[in-house]
């Protein structure tokens, strides 16, 4: 049963990352890279 939940959660996380594409990485990075609104717009 534990393996079933592990694989279900793994598939859901993998599909989320694949379907979200570029925005997933850019959304996470803009918190650390961009300091002003203009820089945030360039990243996103």
PDB file of N, CA and C in Angstrom:
ATOM      1  N   UNK A   1       0.818  -1.195   0.000  1.00  0.00           N
ATOM      2  CA  UNK A   1       0.000   0.000   0.000  1.00  0.00           C
ATOM      3  C   UNK A   1       0.869   1.270   0.000  1.00  0.00           C
ATOM      4  N   UNK A   2       1.984   1.215   0.734  1.00  0.00           N
ATOM      5  CA  UNK A   2       2.875   2.372   0.760  1.00  0.00           C
ATOM      6  C   UNK A   2       3.461   2.641  -0.616  1.00  0.00           C
ATOM      7  N   UNK A   3       3.809   1.584  -1.317  1.00  0.00           N
ATOM      8  CA  UNK A   3       4.377   1.743  -2.664  1.00  0.00           C
ATOM      9  C   UNK A   3       3.353   2.345  -3.619  1.00  0.00           C
ATOM     10  N   UNK A   4       2.105   1.971  -3.463  1.00  0.00           N
ATOM     11  CA  UNK A   4       1.048   2.530  -4.308  1.00  0.00           C
ATOM     12  C   UNK A   4       0.967   4.038  -4.123  1.00  0.00           C
ATOM     13  N   UNK A   5       0.941   4.493  -2.880  1.00  0.00           N
ATOM     14  CA  UNK A   5       0.873   5.924  -2.615  1.00  0.00           C
ATOM     15  C   UNK A   5       2.123   6.647  -3.090  1.00  0.00           C
ATOM     16  N   UNK A   6       3.275   6.011  -2.906  1.00  0.00           N
ATOM     17  CA  UNK A   6       4.522   6.604  -3.377  1.00  0.00           C
ATOM     18  C   UNK A   6       4.468   6.835  -4.876  1.00  0.00           C
ATOM     19  N   UNK A   7       4.041   5.834  -5.637  1.00  0.00           N
ATOM     20  CA  UNK A   7       3.994   5.966  -7.093  1.00  0.00           C
ATOM     21  C   UNK A   7       2.910   6.932  -7.539  1.00  0.00           C
ATOM     22  N   UNK A   8       1.783   6.947  -6.851  1.00  0.00           N
ATOM     23  CA  UNK A   8       0.719   7.893  -7.214  1.00  0.00           C
ATOM     24  C   UNK A   8       1.188   9.335  -7.021  1.00  0.00           C
ATOM     25  N   UNK A   9       1.807   9.614  -5.888  1.00  0.00           N
ATOM     26  CA  UNK A   9       2.293  10.969  -5.614  1.00  0.00           C
ATOM     27  C   UNK A   9       3.422  11.328  -6.577  1.00  0.00           C
ATOM     28  N   UNK A  10       4.301  10.382  -6.859  1.00  0.00           N
ATOM     29  CA  UNK A  10       5.401  10.632  -7.794  1.00  0.00           C
ATOM     30  C   UNK A  10       4.887  10.981  -9.183  1.00  0.00           C
ATOM     31  N   UNK A  11       3.893  10.257  -9.649  1.00  0.00           N
ATOM     32  CA  UNK A  11       3.324  10.522 -10.974  1.00  0.00           C
ATOM     33  C   UNK A  11       2.646  11.887 -11.001  1.00  0.00           C
ATOM     34  N   UNK A  12       1.921  12.218  -9.964  1.00  0.00           N
ATOM     35  CA  UNK A  12       1.235  13.514  -9.917  1.00  0.00           C
ATOM     36  C   UNK A  12       2.249  14.659  -9.916  1.00  0.00           C
ATOM     37  N   UNK A  13       3.310  14.545  -9.131  1.00  0.00           N
ATOM     38  CA  UNK A  13       4.333  15.598  -9.087  1.00  0.00           C
ATOM     39  C   UNK A  13       5.051  15.703 -10.425  1.00  0.00           C
ATOM     40  N   UNK A  14       5.372  14.572 -11.038  1.00  0.00           N
ATOM     41  CA  UNK A  14       6.052  14.586 -12.336  1.00  0.00           C
ATOM     42  C   UNK A  14       5.162  15.207 -13.407  1.00  0.00           C
ATOM     43  N   UNK A  15       3.896  14.855 -13.428  1.00  0.00           N
ATOM     44  CA  UNK A  15       2.974  15.439 -14.412  1.00  0.00           C
ATOM     45  C   UNK A  15       2.814  16.936 -14.189  1.00  0.00           C
ATOM     46  N   UNK A  16       2.749  17.354 -12.948  1.00  0.00           N
ATOM     47  CA  UNK A  16       2.640  18.781 -12.655  1.00  0.00           C
ATOM     48  C   UNK A  16       3.860  19.530 -13.185  1.00  0.00           C
ATOM     49  N   UNK A  17       5.046  18.988 -12.945  1.00  0.00           N
ATOM     50  CA  UNK A  17       6.271  19.646 -13.398  1.00  0.00           C
ATOM     51  C   UNK A  17       6.344  19.682 -14.919  1.00  0.00           C
ATOM     52  N   UNK A  18       5.932  18.619 -15.580  1.00  0.00           N
ATOM     53  CA  UNK A  18       5.991  18.565 -17.045  1.00  0.00           C
ATOM     54  C   UNK A  18       4.944  19.479 -17.662  1.00  0.00           C
ATOM     55  N   UNK A  19       3.746  19.475 -17.133  1.00  0.00           N
ATOM     56  CA  UNK A  19       2.667  20.267 -17.714  1.00  0.00           C
ATOM     57  C   UNK A  19       2.870  21.761 -17.465  1.00  0.00           C
ATOM     58  N   UNK A  20       3.506  22.113 -16.361  1.00  0.00           N
ATOM     59  CA  UNK A  20       3.714  23.522 -16.049  1.00  0.00           C
ATOM     60  C   UNK A  20       4.837  24.113 -16.892  1.00  0.00           C
ATOM     61  N   UNK A  21       5.809  23.306 -17.264  1.00  0.00           N
ATOM     62  CA  UNK A  21       6.855  23.730 -18.188  1.00  0.00           C
ATOM     63  C   UNK A  21       7.756  24.823 -17.666  1.00  0.00           C
ATOM     64  N   UNK A  22       7.992  25.838 -18.486  1.00  0.00           N
ATOM     65  CA  UNK A  22       8.947  26.906 -18.190  1.00  0.00           C
ATOM     66  C   UNK A  22       8.544  27.698 -16.959  1.00  0.00           C
ATOM     67  N   UNK A  23       7.273  27.957 -16.794  1.00  0.00           N
ATOM     68  CA  UNK A  23       6.815  28.811 -15.706  1.00  0.00           C
ATOM     69  C   UNK A  23       7.148  28.248 -14.333  1.00  0.00           C
ATOM     70  N   UNK A  24       7.239  26.945 -14.226  1.00  0.00           N
ATOM     71  CA  UNK A  24       7.551  26.320 -12.934  1.00  0.00           C
ATOM     72  C   UNK A  24       8.919  26.778 -12.439  1.00  0.00           C
ATOM     73  N   UNK A  25       9.921  26.710 -13.292  1.00  0.00           N
ATOM     74  CA  UNK A  25      11.266  27.132 -12.909  1.00  0.00           C
ATOM     75  C   UNK A  25      11.380  28.635 -12.763  1.00  0.00           C
ATOM     76  N   UNK A  26      10.765  29.362 -13.672  1.00  0.00           N
ATOM     77  CA  UNK A  26      10.837  30.821 -13.626  1.00  0.00           C
ATOM     78  C   UNK A  26      10.119  31.358 -12.391  1.00  0.00           C
ATOM     79  N   UNK A  27       9.014  30.756 -12.053  1.00  0.00           N
ATOM     80  CA  UNK A  27       8.274  31.189 -10.870  1.00  0.00           C
ATOM     81  C   UNK A  27       9.057  30.978  -9.588  1.00  0.00           C
ATOM     82  N   UNK A  28       9.808  29.893  -9.525  1.00  0.00           N
ATOM     83  CA  UNK A  28      10.625  29.629  -8.343  1.00  0.00           C
ATOM     84  C   UNK A  28      11.858  30.526  -8.318  1.00  0.00           C
ATOM     85  N   UNK A  29      12.463  30.751  -9.478  1.00  0.00           N
ATOM     86  CA  UNK A  29      13.700  31.537  -9.533  1.00  0.00           C
ATOM     87  C   UNK A  29      13.476  33.029  -9.318  1.00  0.00           C
ATOM     88  N   UNK A  30      12.344  33.552  -9.754  1.00  0.00           N
ATOM     89  CA  UNK A  30      12.168  35.002  -9.675  1.00  0.00           C
ATOM     90  C   UNK A  30      12.171  35.499  -8.235  1.00  0.00           C
ATOM     91  N   UNK A  31      11.890  34.624  -7.289  1.00  0.00           N
ATOM     92  CA  UNK A  31      11.931  35.026  -5.887  1.00  0.00           C
ATOM     93  C   UNK A  31      13.353  35.343  -5.430  1.00  0.00           C
ATOM     94  N   UNK A  32      14.339  34.688  -6.039  1.00  0.00           N
ATOM     95  CA  UNK A  32      15.726  34.854  -5.612  1.00  0.00           C
ATOM     96  C   UNK A  32      16.534  35.741  -6.554  1.00  0.00           C
ATOM     97  N   UNK A  33      16.149  35.806  -7.823  1.00  0.00           N
ATOM     98  CA  UNK A  33      16.951  36.495  -8.833  1.00  0.00           C
ATOM     99  C   UNK A  33      16.535  37.949  -8.986  1.00  0.00           C
ATOM    100  N   UNK A  34      15.248  38.188  -9.075  1.00  0.00           N
ATOM    101  CA  UNK A  34      14.746  39.528  -9.387  1.00  0.00           C
ATOM    102  C   UNK A  34      14.565  40.353  -8.115  1.00  0.00           C
ATOM    103  N   UNK A  35      14.998  41.604  -8.195  1.00  0.00           N
ATOM    104  CA  UNK A  35      14.867  42.492  -7.044  1.00  0.00           C
ATOM    105  C   UNK A  35      13.820  43.587  -7.272  1.00  0.00           C
ATOM    106  N   UNK A  36      13.630  44.000  -8.508  1.00  0.00           N
ATOM    107  CA  UNK A  36      12.659  45.053  -8.810  1.00  0.00           C
ATOM    108  C   UNK A  36      11.531  44.474  -9.653  1.00  0.00           C
ATOM    109  N   UNK A  37      10.476  45.256  -9.821  1.00  0.00           N
ATOM    110  CA  UNK A  37       9.348  44.805 -10.635  1.00  0.00           C
ATOM    111  C   UNK A  37       9.758  44.567 -12.083  1.00  0.00           C
ATOM    112  N   UNK A  38      10.615  45.434 -12.615  1.00  0.00           N
ATOM    113  CA  UNK A  38      11.064  45.250 -14.000  1.00  0.00           C
ATOM    114  C   UNK A  38      11.847  43.954 -14.164  1.00  0.00           C
ATOM    115  N   UNK A  39      12.694  43.632 -13.201  1.00  0.00           N
ATOM    116  CA  UNK A  39      13.445  42.376 -13.273  1.00  0.00           C
ATOM    117  C   UNK A  39      12.509  41.178 -13.172  1.00  0.00           C
ATOM    118  N   UNK A  40      11.495  41.267 -12.331  1.00  0.00           N
ATOM    119  CA  UNK A  40      10.520  40.173 -12.214  1.00  0.00           C
ATOM    120  C   UNK A  40       9.786  39.962 -13.534  1.00  0.00           C
ATOM    121  N   UNK A  41       9.433  41.034 -14.186  1.00  0.00           N
ATOM    122  CA  UNK A  41       8.754  40.916 -15.483  1.00  0.00           C
ATOM    123  C   UNK A  41       9.660  40.291 -16.529  1.00  0.00           C
ATOM    124  N   UNK A  42      10.945  40.608 -16.488  1.00  0.00           N
ATOM    125  CA  UNK A  42      11.886  40.017 -17.442  1.00  0.00           C
ATOM    126  C   UNK A  42      12.033  38.516 -17.213  1.00  0.00           C
ATOM    127  N   UNK A  43      12.061  38.109 -15.954  1.00  0.00           N
ATOM    128  CA  UNK A  43      12.207  36.684 -15.652  1.00  0.00           C
ATOM    129  C   UNK A  43      10.958  35.926 -16.064  1.00  0.00           C
ATOM    130  N   UNK A  44       9.806  36.471 -15.738  1.00  0.00           N
ATOM    131  CA  UNK A  44       8.556  35.784 -16.054  1.00  0.00           C
ATOM    132  C   UNK A  44       8.173  36.017 -17.487  1.00  0.00           C
TER     133      UNK A  44
END
